[in-house]
């Protein structure tokens, strides 16, 4: 699976674009604006590639599709349990 290797790249690029924008605002050097633009473009490209890889894994693997409803049900159960605990805490019962 290549998707786990692709996901951190757009994250790093989008996070790195913020300091580049801040540096551009502080210094007015066009280099920082170009750097930020390139980071955003690379982040979008790799984000699309990661989405395609994830979709390919999801469609192509029966094991991945078989696990998805169980995960969703587990997440819903955890959410419901958290709501019950919160209600007990707030209502005192």
Protein backbone atom coordinates (compact mmCIF):
# COMPACT_ATOMS: atom_id res chain seq x y z
CA UNK A 1 0.00 0.00 0.00
CA UNK A 2 1.51 3.27 -1.14
CA UNK A 3 -1.13 5.57 0.35
CA UNK A 4 0.43 5.68 3.86
CA UNK A 5 3.65 6.93 2.26
CA UNK A 6 1.84 9.64 0.30
CA UNK A 7 -0.36 11.10 3.05
CA UNK A 8 2.38 12.92 5.06
CA UNK A 9 3.64 14.82 2.01
CA UNK A 10 0.60 17.08 1.50
CA UNK A 11 0.32 17.57 5.26
CA UNK A 12 3.91 18.79 5.46
CA UNK A 13 3.47 20.99 2.39
CA UNK A 14 0.31 22.67 3.70
CA UNK A 15 1.85 23.21 7.13
CA UNK A 16 5.04 24.56 5.53
CA UNK A 17 3.10 27.04 3.41
CA UNK A 18 2.00 28.98 6.48
CA UNK A 19 5.52 29.94 7.67
CA UNK A 20 6.42 30.80 4.08
CA UNK A 21 3.42 33.14 3.88
CA UNK A 22 4.32 34.70 7.22
CA UNK A 23 7.90 35.21 6.01
CA UNK A 24 6.59 36.87 2.85
CA UNK A 25 4.38 39.24 4.83
CA UNK A 26 7.28 40.09 7.14
CA UNK A 27 9.97 40.58 4.48
CA UNK A 28 8.12 41.31 1.19
CA UNK A 29 10.58 38.98 -0.58
CA UNK A 30 8.86 37.44 -3.59
CA UNK A 31 10.91 34.27 -3.03
CA UNK A 32 8.70 33.39 -0.03
CA UNK A 33 5.50 33.84 -2.05
CA UNK A 34 6.90 31.57 -4.77
CA UNK A 35 7.96 29.02 -2.17
CA UNK A 36 4.50 29.02 -0.63
CA UNK A 37 2.83 28.64 -4.02
CA UNK A 38 5.04 25.68 -4.88
CA UNK A 39 4.31 24.05 -1.53
CA UNK A 40 0.57 24.40 -2.12
CA UNK A 41 0.79 22.98 -5.64
CA UNK A 42 2.87 20.00 -4.50
CA UNK A 43 0.49 19.46 -1.57
CA UNK A 44 -2.56 19.39 -3.84
CA UNK A 45 -0.88 17.06 -6.35
CA UNK A 46 0.23 14.58 -3.70
CA UNK A 47 -3.14 14.87 -1.94
CA UNK A 48 -4.90 13.82 -5.14
CA UNK A 49 -2.40 10.98 -5.63
CA UNK A 50 -2.99 9.80 -2.05
CA UNK A 51 -6.76 9.93 -2.58
CA UNK A 52 -6.48 7.90 -5.78
CA UNK A 53 -4.22 5.35 -4.05
CA UNK A 54 -6.65 5.08 -1.13
CA UNK A 55 -9.62 4.67 -3.43
CA UNK A 56 -7.76 2.01 -5.39
CA UNK A 57 -6.96 0.14 -2.17
CA UNK A 58 -10.58 0.43 -1.04
CA UNK A 59 -12.07 -0.76 -4.33
CA UNK A 60 -9.47 -3.43 -5.06
CA UNK A 61 -9.27 -5.16 -1.70
CA UNK A 62 -12.13 -7.17 -0.27
CA UNK A 63 -10.41 -7.18 3.12
CA UNK A 64 -10.44 -3.39 3.30
CA UNK A 65 -14.11 -3.20 2.32
CA UNK A 66 -15.03 -5.94 4.78
CA UNK A 67 -13.36 -4.09 7.67
CA UNK A 68 -14.96 -0.71 6.96
CA UNK A 69 -18.49 -1.34 8.35
CA UNK A 70 -17.06 -2.90 11.52
CA UNK A 71 -14.86 0.15 12.09
CA UNK A 72 -17.78 2.47 11.49
CA UNK A 73 -19.97 0.50 13.91
CA UNK A 74 -17.17 0.54 16.52
CA UNK A 75 -16.80 4.31 16.10
CA UNK A 76 -20.56 4.79 16.53
CA UNK A 77 -20.54 2.62 19.65
CA UNK A 78 -17.68 4.63 21.16
CA UNK A 79 -19.50 7.88 20.37
CA UNK A 80 -22.72 6.62 21.98
CA UNK A 81 -20.82 5.48 25.07
CA UNK A 82 -19.15 8.87 25.34
CA UNK A 83 -22.53 10.61 25.08
CA UNK A 84 -23.94 8.39 27.82
CA UNK A 85 -20.98 9.16 30.09
CA UNK A 86 -21.31 12.88 29.41
CA UNK A 87 -25.04 12.79 30.16
CA UNK A 88 -24.39 10.92 33.42
CA UNK A 89 -21.76 13.45 34.42
CA UNK A 90 -23.91 16.50 33.62
CA UNK A 91 -27.16 15.12 35.02
CA UNK A 92 -25.50 13.54 38.06
CA UNK A 93 -27.03 10.15 37.44
